[in-house]
C-alpha atoms as a PDB file:
ATOM      1  CA  MET A   1     -26.305  48.219  17.600  1.00  0.00           C
ATOM      2  CA  PRO A   2     -29.130  47.240  20.212  1.00  0.00           C
ATOM      3  CA  PRO A   3     -27.138  45.905  23.419  1.00  0.00           C
ATOM      4  CA  HIS A   4     -26.566  42.191  23.544  1.00  0.00           C
ATOM      5  CA  ILE A   5     -26.856  40.630  27.097  1.00  0.00           C
ATOM      6  CA  LEU A   6     -25.636  36.894  27.716  1.00  0.00           C
ATOM      7  CA  ILE A   7     -27.544  35.038  30.484  1.00  0.00           C
ATOM      8  CA  LEU A   8     -25.757  31.801  31.679  1.00  0.00           C
ATOM      9  CA  GLY A   9     -28.641  29.946  32.501  1.00  0.00           C
ATOM     10  CA  GLY A  10     -30.143  26.607  33.836  1.00  0.00           C
ATOM     11  CA  THR A  11     -32.168  28.292  36.805  1.00  0.00           C
ATOM     12  CA  THR A  12     -35.498  29.297  37.264  1.00  0.00           C
ATOM     13  CA  GLU A  13     -34.121  32.837  37.989  1.00  0.00           C
ATOM     14  CA  ALA A  14     -32.511  32.773  34.520  1.00  0.00           C
ATOM     15  CA  ARG A  15     -35.599  31.842  32.758  1.00  0.00           C
ATOM     16  CA  GLU A  16     -37.619  34.827  35.062  1.00  0.00           C
ATOM     17  CA  LEU A  17     -34.849  37.359  33.914  1.00  0.00           C
ATOM     18  CA  ALA A  18     -35.183  36.631  30.518  1.00  0.00           C
ATOM     19  CA  ALA A  19     -38.660  36.861  30.355  1.00  0.00           C
ATOM     20  CA  GLU A  20     -38.472  40.208  32.228  1.00  0.00           C
ATOM     21  CA  LEU A  21     -35.883  41.416  29.926  1.00  0.00           C
ATOM     22  CA  ALA A  22     -38.141  41.099  27.122  1.00  0.00           C
ATOM     23  CA  VAL A  23     -40.583  43.336  28.682  1.00  0.00           C
ATOM     24  CA  ARG A  24     -38.247  46.038  30.355  1.00  0.00           C
ATOM     25  CA  ARG A  25     -35.727  46.006  27.960  1.00  0.00           C
ATOM     26  CA  PRO A  26     -37.292  45.157  24.357  1.00  0.00           C
ATOM     27  CA  GLU A  27     -34.483  46.889  22.623  1.00  0.00           C
ATOM     28  CA  ALA A  28     -31.883  44.362  23.969  1.00  0.00           C
ATOM     29  CA  ARG A  29     -30.884  41.361  22.441  1.00  0.00           C
ATOM     30  CA  VAL A  30     -31.017  38.371  25.175  1.00  0.00           C
ATOM     31  CA  THR A  31     -29.074  35.177  24.907  1.00  0.00           C
ATOM     32  CA  THR A  32     -29.806  32.479  27.104  1.00  0.00           C
ATOM     33  CA  SER A  33     -26.752  29.969  27.275  1.00  0.00           C
ATOM     34  CA  LEU A  34     -27.496  26.355  28.557  1.00  0.00           C
ATOM     35  CA  ALA A  35     -24.883  23.681  29.244  1.00  0.00           C
ATOM     36  CA  GLY A  36     -26.960  21.246  27.568  1.00  0.00           C
ATOM     37  CA  ARG A  37     -27.018  18.751  30.611  1.00  0.00           C
ATOM     38  CA  VAL A  38     -30.982  18.488  30.817  1.00  0.00           C
ATOM     39  CA  ALA A  39     -32.425  16.903  27.817  1.00  0.00           C
ATOM     40  CA  ARG A  40     -35.790  18.852  27.915  1.00  0.00           C
ATOM     41  CA  PRO A  41     -35.345  22.485  29.442  1.00  0.00           C
ATOM     42  CA  GLY A  42     -38.330  24.457  29.685  1.00  0.00           C
ATOM     43  CA  ALA A  43     -39.131  27.137  27.268  1.00  0.00           C
ATOM     44  CA  LEU A  44     -37.280  30.225  27.078  1.00  0.00           C
ATOM     45  CA  THR A  45     -37.799  33.931  25.915  1.00  0.00           C
ATOM     46  CA  GLY A  46     -34.999  35.348  23.427  1.00  0.00           C
ATOM     47  CA  ASP A  47     -32.224  33.606  21.613  1.00  0.00           C
ATOM     48  CA  VAL A  48     -30.930  30.300  23.258  1.00  0.00           C
ATOM     49  CA  ARG A  49     -27.941  28.621  22.704  1.00  0.00           C
ATOM     50  CA  ILE A  50     -26.758  25.228  23.851  1.00  0.00           C
ATOM     51  CA  GLY A  51     -23.526  23.569  24.809  1.00  0.00           C
ATOM     52  CA  GLY A  52     -20.043  24.462  26.242  1.00  0.00           C
ATOM     53  CA  PHE A  53     -17.933  27.441  25.176  1.00  0.00           C
ATOM     54  CA  GLY A  54     -14.517  25.196  25.697  1.00  0.00           C
ATOM     55  CA  GLY A  55     -13.384  26.792  28.853  1.00  0.00           C
ATOM     56  CA  ALA A  56     -12.624  30.746  29.700  1.00  0.00           C
ATOM     57  CA  ALA A  57     -10.906  31.323  26.395  1.00  0.00           C
ATOM     58  CA  GLY A  58     -13.742  29.874  24.296  1.00  0.00           C
ATOM     59  CA  LEU A  59     -16.145  31.990  26.134  1.00  0.00           C
ATOM     60  CA  ALA A  60     -14.065  35.269  25.862  1.00  0.00           C
ATOM     61  CA  ALA A  61     -13.957  34.594  22.080  1.00  0.00           C
ATOM     62  CA  TRP A  62     -17.784  34.161  21.812  1.00  0.00           C
ATOM     63  CA  LEU A  63     -18.179  37.235  23.678  1.00  0.00           C
ATOM     64  CA  ARG A  64     -16.086  39.174  21.350  1.00  0.00           C
ATOM     65  CA  GLU A  65     -17.391  37.685  18.126  1.00  0.00           C
ATOM     66  CA  ARG A  66     -21.152  37.954  19.275  1.00  0.00           C
ATOM     67  CA  ARG A  67     -20.390  41.528  20.424  1.00  0.00           C
ATOM     68  CA  VAL A  68     -21.697  40.792  23.760  1.00  0.00           C
ATOM     69  CA  ASP A  69     -22.292  43.957  26.257  1.00  0.00           C
ATOM     70  CA  ALA A  70     -23.090  42.619  29.825  1.00  0.00           C
ATOM     71  CA  ILE A  71     -22.856  39.182  31.254  1.00  0.00           C
ATOM     72  CA  VAL A  72     -25.477  37.935  33.647  1.00  0.00           C
ATOM     73  CA  ASP A  73     -24.246  34.363  35.224  1.00  0.00           C
ATOM     74  CA  ALA A  74     -27.661  32.991  36.378  1.00  0.00           C
ATOM     75  CA  THR A  75     -26.184  29.338  36.667  1.00  0.00           C
ATOM     76  CA  HIS A  76     -26.688  26.807  39.853  1.00  0.00           C
ATOM     77  CA  PRO A  77     -24.880  28.043  42.825  1.00  0.00           C
ATOM     78  CA  PHE A  78     -22.767  24.852  42.377  1.00  0.00           C
ATOM     79  CA  ALA A  79     -21.737  25.479  38.842  1.00  0.00           C
ATOM     80  CA  GLU A  80     -18.445  26.513  40.324  1.00  0.00           C
ATOM     81  CA  SER A  81     -16.250  25.977  36.977  1.00  0.00           C
ATOM     82  CA  ILE A  82     -18.871  27.948  34.742  1.00  0.00           C
ATOM     83  CA  THR A  83     -18.703  30.912  37.283  1.00  0.00           C
ATOM     84  CA  ALA A  84     -14.824  31.005  37.392  1.00  0.00           C
ATOM     85  CA  ASN A  85     -14.914  30.783  33.494  1.00  0.00           C
ATOM     86  CA  ALA A  86     -17.318  33.648  33.227  1.00  0.00           C
ATOM     87  CA  ALA A  87     -15.071  35.738  35.883  1.00  0.00           C
ATOM     88  CA  ARG A  88     -12.037  35.085  33.861  1.00  0.00           C
ATOM     89  CA  ALA A  89     -13.843  35.545  30.528  1.00  0.00           C
ATOM     90  CA  ALA A  90     -15.237  39.190  31.753  1.00  0.00           C
ATOM     91  CA  THR A  91     -11.843  40.285  32.965  1.00  0.00           C
ATOM     92  CA  ASP A  92     -10.267  39.421  29.737  1.00  0.00           C
ATOM     93  CA  THR A  93     -12.920  41.225  27.549  1.00  0.00           C
ATOM     94  CA  GLY A  94     -13.332  43.883  29.959  1.00  0.00           C
ATOM     95  CA  LEU A  95     -17.189  43.161  30.029  1.00  0.00           C
ATOM     96  CA  PRO A  96     -19.236  43.997  33.053  1.00  0.00           C
ATOM     97  CA  LEU A  97     -20.113  40.465  35.178  1.00  0.00           C
ATOM     98  CA  VAL A  98     -23.006  40.163  37.638  1.00  0.00           C
ATOM     99  CA  VAL A  99     -23.818  36.859  39.414  1.00  0.00           C
ATOM    100  CA  LEU A 100     -27.297  36.118  40.146  1.00  0.00           C
ATOM    101  CA  ARG A 101     -27.646  33.848  43.160  1.00  0.00           C
ATOM    102  CA  ARG A 102     -30.466  33.397  45.233  1.00  0.00           C
ATOM    103  CA  PRO A 103     -29.960  33.388  49.049  1.00  0.00           C
ATOM    104  CA  GLY A 104     -28.780  30.222  50.379  1.00  0.00           C
ATOM    105  CA  TRP A 105     -30.792  28.405  53.233  1.00  0.00           C
ATOM    106  CA  ARG A 106     -30.550  28.994  57.086  1.00  0.00           C
ATOM    107  CA  PRO A 107     -31.196  26.554  59.781  1.00  0.00           C
ATOM    108  CA  VAL A 108     -33.919  27.671  62.254  1.00  0.00           C
ATOM    109  CA  PRO A 109     -34.574  26.086  65.717  1.00  0.00           C
ATOM    110  CA  GLY A 110     -35.096  22.375  65.589  1.00  0.00           C
ATOM    111  CA  ASP A 111     -32.987  21.756  62.579  1.00  0.00           C
ATOM    112  CA  ARG A 112     -30.204  19.071  63.157  1.00  0.00           C
ATOM    113  CA  TRP A 113     -27.471  20.346  60.119  1.00  0.00           C
ATOM    114  CA  HIS A 114     -24.085  18.938  59.684  1.00  0.00           C
ATOM    115  CA  PRO A 115     -22.605  21.617  57.141  1.00  0.00           C
ATOM    116  CA  VAL A 116     -19.779  20.259  54.947  1.00  0.00           C
ATOM    117  CA  ALA A 117     -17.852  21.521  52.316  1.00  0.00           C
ATOM    118  CA  ALA A 118     -18.145  19.083  49.698  1.00  0.00           C
ATOM    119  CA  LEU A 119     -19.514  15.800  48.523  1.00  0.00           C
ATOM    120  CA  PRO A 120     -16.939  13.521  50.048  1.00  0.00           C
ATOM    121  CA  GLU A 121     -16.896  15.205  53.193  1.00  0.00           C
ATOM    122  CA  ALA A 122     -20.790  14.261  53.275  1.00  0.00           C
ATOM    123  CA  ALA A 123     -20.220  10.736  52.362  1.00  0.00           C
ATOM    124  CA  ASP A 124     -17.999  10.587  55.267  1.00  0.00           C
ATOM    125  CA  ALA A 125     -20.356  11.966  57.546  1.00  0.00           C
ATOM    126  CA  LEU A 126     -23.116   9.174  56.765  1.00  0.00           C
ATOM    127  CA  PRO A 127     -22.417   6.213  58.408  1.00  0.00           C
ATOM    128  CA  ALA A 128     -22.560   7.811  61.840  1.00  0.00           C
ATOM    129  CA  LEU A 129     -25.913   9.633  60.971  1.00  0.00           C
ATOM    130  CA  GLY A 130     -28.110   7.012  59.573  1.00  0.00           C
ATOM    131  CA  ARG A 131     -28.354   3.866  57.224  1.00  0.00           C
ATOM    132  CA  ARG A 132     -31.429   4.911  54.862  1.00  0.00           C
ATOM    133  CA  VAL A 133     -30.467   8.176  53.122  1.00  0.00           C
ATOM    134  CA  LEU A 134     -32.430  10.475  50.936  1.00  0.00           C
ATOM    135  CA  LEU A 135     -29.970  11.922  48.517  1.00  0.00           C
ATOM    136  CA  THR A 136     -30.878  14.881  46.535  1.00  0.00           C
ATOM    137  CA  THR A 137     -27.531  16.281  45.568  1.00  0.00           C
ATOM    138  CA  GLY A 138     -28.613  15.791  41.895  1.00  0.00           C
ATOM    139  CA  ARG A 139     -27.474  13.265  39.090  1.00  0.00           C
ATOM    140  CA  LEU A 140     -23.469  14.538  39.132  1.00  0.00           C
ATOM    141  CA  GLY A 141     -21.222  13.510  42.059  1.00  0.00           C
ATOM    142  CA  LEU A 142     -22.861  10.131  43.312  1.00  0.00           C
ATOM    143  CA  ALA A 143     -19.216   8.840  42.695  1.00  0.00           C
ATOM    144  CA  ALA A 144     -18.481  10.070  46.096  1.00  0.00           C
ATOM    145  CA  PHE A 145     -21.242   7.803  47.774  1.00  0.00           C
ATOM    146  CA  ALA A 146     -20.346   4.749  45.757  1.00  0.00           C
ATOM    147  CA  HIS A 147     -18.263   3.188  48.172  1.00  0.00           C
ATOM    148  CA  LEU A 148     -20.909   3.115  50.847  1.00  0.00           C
ATOM    149  CA  HIS A 149     -21.955  -0.662  50.746  1.00  0.00           C
ATOM    150  CA  GLU A 150     -23.790  -0.677  53.826  1.00  0.00           C
ATOM    151  CA  LEU A 151     -26.115   1.962  53.259  1.00  0.00           C
ATOM    152  CA  HIS A 152     -29.593   2.353  51.284  1.00  0.00           C
ATOM    153  CA  PHE A 153     -29.890   5.294  49.174  1.00  0.00           C
ATOM    154  CA  VAL A 154     -33.222   6.679  47.941  1.00  0.00           C
ATOM    155  CA  VAL A 155     -31.444   9.241  45.091  1.00  0.00           C
ATOM    156  CA  ARG A 156     -34.043  11.977  43.884  1.00  0.00           C
ATOM    157  CA  SER A 157     -32.648  13.394  40.508  1.00  0.00           C
ATOM    158  CA  VAL A 158     -34.391  14.888  37.510  1.00  0.00           C
ATOM    159  CA  GLU A 159     -32.723  12.640  34.927  1.00  0.00           C
ATOM    160  CA  PRO A 160     -31.016   9.350  35.565  1.00  0.00           C
ATOM    161  CA  PRO A 161     -27.812   9.665  36.953  1.00  0.00           C
ATOM    162  CA  GLU A 162     -24.432   7.702  35.325  1.00  0.00           C
ATOM    163  CA  PRO A 163     -22.368   5.422  37.238  1.00  0.00           C
ATOM    164  CA  PRO A 164     -20.666   4.824  39.628  1.00  0.00           C
ATOM    165  CA  ILE A 165     -23.290   5.027  41.822  1.00  0.00           C
ATOM    166  CA  PRO A 166     -24.100   3.519  45.274  1.00  0.00           C
ATOM    167  CA  PRO A 167     -24.783  -0.459  45.084  1.00  0.00           C
ATOM    168  CA  ASP A 168     -28.089  -0.238  47.064  1.00  0.00           C
ATOM    169  CA  THR A 169     -29.731   2.704  45.278  1.00  0.00           C
ATOM    170  CA  GLU A 170     -33.213   3.354  44.635  1.00  0.00           C
ATOM    171  CA  LEU A 171     -33.922   6.134  42.184  1.00  0.00           C
ATOM    172  CA  LEU A 172     -36.871   8.427  42.125  1.00  0.00           C
ATOM    173  CA  LEU A 173     -37.138  10.616  39.026  1.00  0.00           C
ATOM    174  CA  ALA A 174     -38.875  13.823  39.856  1.00  0.00           C
ATOM    175  CA  ARG A 175     -38.721  17.477  39.297  1.00  0.00           C
ATOM    176  CA  GLY A 176     -39.810  19.973  41.854  1.00  0.00           C
ATOM    177  CA  PRO A 177     -41.135  22.309  43.318  1.00  0.00           C
ATOM    178  CA  PHE A 178     -42.183  19.869  46.091  1.00  0.00           C
ATOM    179  CA  THR A 179     -44.777  20.197  48.806  1.00  0.00           C
ATOM    180  CA  LEU A 180     -44.150  19.744  52.450  1.00  0.00           C
ATOM    181  CA  ALA A 181     -46.900  17.054  52.468  1.00  0.00           C
ATOM    182  CA  ASP A 182     -44.925  15.390  49.709  1.00  0.00           C
ATOM    183  CA  GLU A 183     -41.713  15.526  51.256  1.00  0.00           C
ATOM    184  CA  ALA A 184     -43.372  14.004  54.669  1.00  0.00           C
ATOM    185  CA  ALA A 185     -44.686  11.421  52.999  1.00  0.00           C
ATOM    186  CA  LEU A 186     -41.511  10.118  51.067  1.00  0.00           C
ATOM    187  CA  LEU A 187     -39.456  10.528  54.339  1.00  0.00           C
ATOM    188  CA  ARG A 188     -42.247   8.140  55.838  1.00  0.00           C
ATOM    189  CA  GLU A 189     -42.543   5.683  53.031  1.00  0.00           C
ATOM    190  CA  HIS A 190     -38.737   5.058  52.582  1.00  0.00           C
ATOM    191  CA  ARG A 191     -38.035   5.101  56.084  1.00  0.00           C
ATOM    192  CA  ILE A 192     -35.495   7.749  55.734  1.00  0.00           C
ATOM    193  CA  ASP A 193     -33.220   8.698  58.574  1.00  0.00           C
ATOM    194  CA  VAL A 194     -30.842  10.779  57.014  1.00  0.00           C
ATOM    195  CA  LEU A 195     -30.709  13.632  54.384  1.00  0.00           C
ATOM    196  CA  VAL A 196     -28.283  14.871  52.141  1.00  0.00           C
ATOM    197  CA  THR A 197     -28.754  17.950  50.143  1.00  0.00           C
ATOM    198  CA  LYS A 198     -26.671  21.134  48.427  1.00  0.00           C
ATOM    199  CA  ASP A 199     -27.317  24.482  49.610  1.00  0.00           C
ATOM    200  CA  SER A 200     -29.165  25.791  46.299  1.00  0.00           C
ATOM    201  CA  GLY A 201     -31.460  27.873  48.231  1.00  0.00           C
ATOM    202  CA  GLY A 202     -34.952  29.016  47.082  1.00  0.00           C
ATOM    203  CA  ALA A 203     -38.395  27.827  47.800  1.00  0.00           C
ATOM    204  CA  ALA A 204     -38.783  25.014  45.534  1.00  0.00           C
ATOM    205  CA  THR A 205     -36.957  22.367  47.248  1.00  0.00           C
ATOM    206  CA  ALA A 206     -36.785  24.090  50.416  1.00  0.00           C
ATOM    207  CA  ALA A 207     -39.792  21.838  51.867  1.00  0.00           C
ATOM    208  CA  LYS A 208     -37.751  18.611  52.217  1.00  0.00           C
ATOM    209  CA  LEU A 209     -35.805  20.510  55.109  1.00  0.00           C
ATOM    210  CA  THR A 210     -38.793  21.460  56.957  1.00  0.00           C
ATOM    211  CA  ALA A 211     -39.802  17.691  56.735  1.00  0.00           C
ATOM    212  CA  ALA A 212     -36.616  16.545  58.114  1.00  0.00           C
ATOM    213  CA  ARG A 213     -36.984  19.022  61.027  1.00  0.00           C
ATOM    214  CA  GLU A 214     -40.501  17.895  62.007  1.00  0.00           C
ATOM    215  CA  ALA A 215     -39.404  14.453  61.536  1.00  0.00           C
ATOM    216  CA  GLY A 216     -36.186  14.867  63.813  1.00  0.00           C
ATOM    217  CA  ILE A 217     -33.994  13.908  61.039  1.00  0.00           C
ATOM    218  CA  PRO A 218     -30.523  15.275  60.593  1.00  0.00           C
ATOM    219  CA  VAL A 219     -29.595  16.953  57.167  1.00  0.00           C
ATOM    220  CA  VAL A 220     -26.330  16.915  55.811  1.00  0.00           C
ATOM    221  CA  VAL A 221     -25.803  20.201  53.975  1.00  0.00           C
ATOM    222  CA  VAL A 222     -23.187  20.696  51.469  1.00  0.00           C
ATOM    223  CA  ARG A 223     -22.255  24.749  51.814  1.00  0.00           C
ATOM    224  CA  ARG A 224     -22.087  26.639  48.609  1.00  0.00           C
ATOM    225  CA  PRO A 225     -18.496  27.482  46.861  1.00  0.00           C
ATOM    226  CA  ARG A 226     -17.344  30.971  47.253  1.00  0.00           C
ATOM    227  CA  LEU A 227     -17.638  33.381  44.317  1.00  0.00           C
ATOM    228  CA  PRO A 228     -14.312  34.548  42.653  1.00  0.00           C
ATOM    229  CA  GLU A 229     -12.652  37.203  44.120  1.00  0.00           C
ATOM    230  CA  GLY A 230     -14.419  40.815  43.197  1.00  0.00           C
ATOM    231  CA  VAL A 231     -17.374  39.338  41.502  1.00  0.00           C
ATOM    232  CA  ARG A 232     -20.528  41.326  42.448  1.00  0.00           C
ATOM    233  CA  ALA A 233     -23.930  39.358  43.170  1.00  0.00           C
ATOM    234  CA  VAL A 234     -27.416  40.026  43.492  1.00  0.00           C
ATOM    235  CA  PRO A 235     -30.053  37.934  45.195  1.00  0.00           C
ATOM    236  CA  ASP A 236     -33.075  38.153  42.743  1.00  0.00           C
ATOM    237  CA  VAL A 237     -34.029  39.303  39.229  1.00  0.00           C
ATOM    238  CA  GLY A 238     -34.989  42.440  40.241  1.00  0.00           C
ATOM    239  CA  GLY A 239     -31.544  43.095  41.219  1.00  0.00           C
ATOM    240  CA  ALA A 240     -30.034  41.771  37.867  1.00  0.00           C
ATOM    241  CA  VAL A 241     -32.404  43.976  36.168  1.00  0.00           C
ATOM    242  CA  GLU A 242     -31.509  47.012  37.963  1.00  0.00           C
ATOM    243  CA  TRP A 243     -27.912  46.320  37.616  1.00  0.00           C
ATOM    244  CA  LEU A 244     -28.376  46.099  33.806  1.00  0.00           C
ATOM    245  CA  GLY A 245     -30.310  49.341  33.720  1.00  0.00           C
ATOM    246  CA  SER A 246     -27.515  51.043  35.973  1.00  0.00           C
ATOM    247  CA  GLY A 247     -25.410  51.218  32.497  1.00  0.00           C
ATOM    248  CA  ALA A 248     -24.078  47.670  32.365  1.00  0.00           C
ATOM    249  CA  GLY A 249     -26.051  46.388  29.752  1.00  0.00           C
ATOM    250  CA  ALA A 250     -26.347  49.851  27.769  1.00  0.00           C
END
């Protein structure tokens, strides 16, 4: 049987890894799993499944049934529950697991960052920092800001969010990457005086941080959740390919 590699996807890195494995490991069967939260995901190389597994137990059962040999968790850095389920399923099945996570952002001189642990803490910080908020935390979790009636929110999201959302909300549907010129213009046109973002890392949406720094705008940065204890991580597609080639996906 050819080796079967499961990629838990939904990121650019997951897409790039599937394409790279088609070239570097043509003998392997590669399945990318998507949660199904995006209505029109981009094209993927190899097999694709869409939908949840039913928690760690359901994932473990699927891994056994499909005879998976290795797991690469290339989900979003804030997909905490999926990563936790993958770690438990890997332990239950004895399968090797690696987490592919792009490096997080780091502040540079001139940044006015306010790191917080979670979205509710970000909401608590906002009234003291500004009145016109650019919210780029995605369409999930907006309920944390729904009680802030005195603030104006510009919410940027790939797809429309579900309620509850802040009452004074202007919605911008857009998908990165975004240029520095675009981000600077957005801040000016909407008179933004505070930015809220998750530390997703990567270059595709990093220009907003530079634009905020150049405009002197404070940025509330939600820190990433910790990885489960004992789980190995690699920072890029090359690291994941190397890990698989070391025997994990043999």
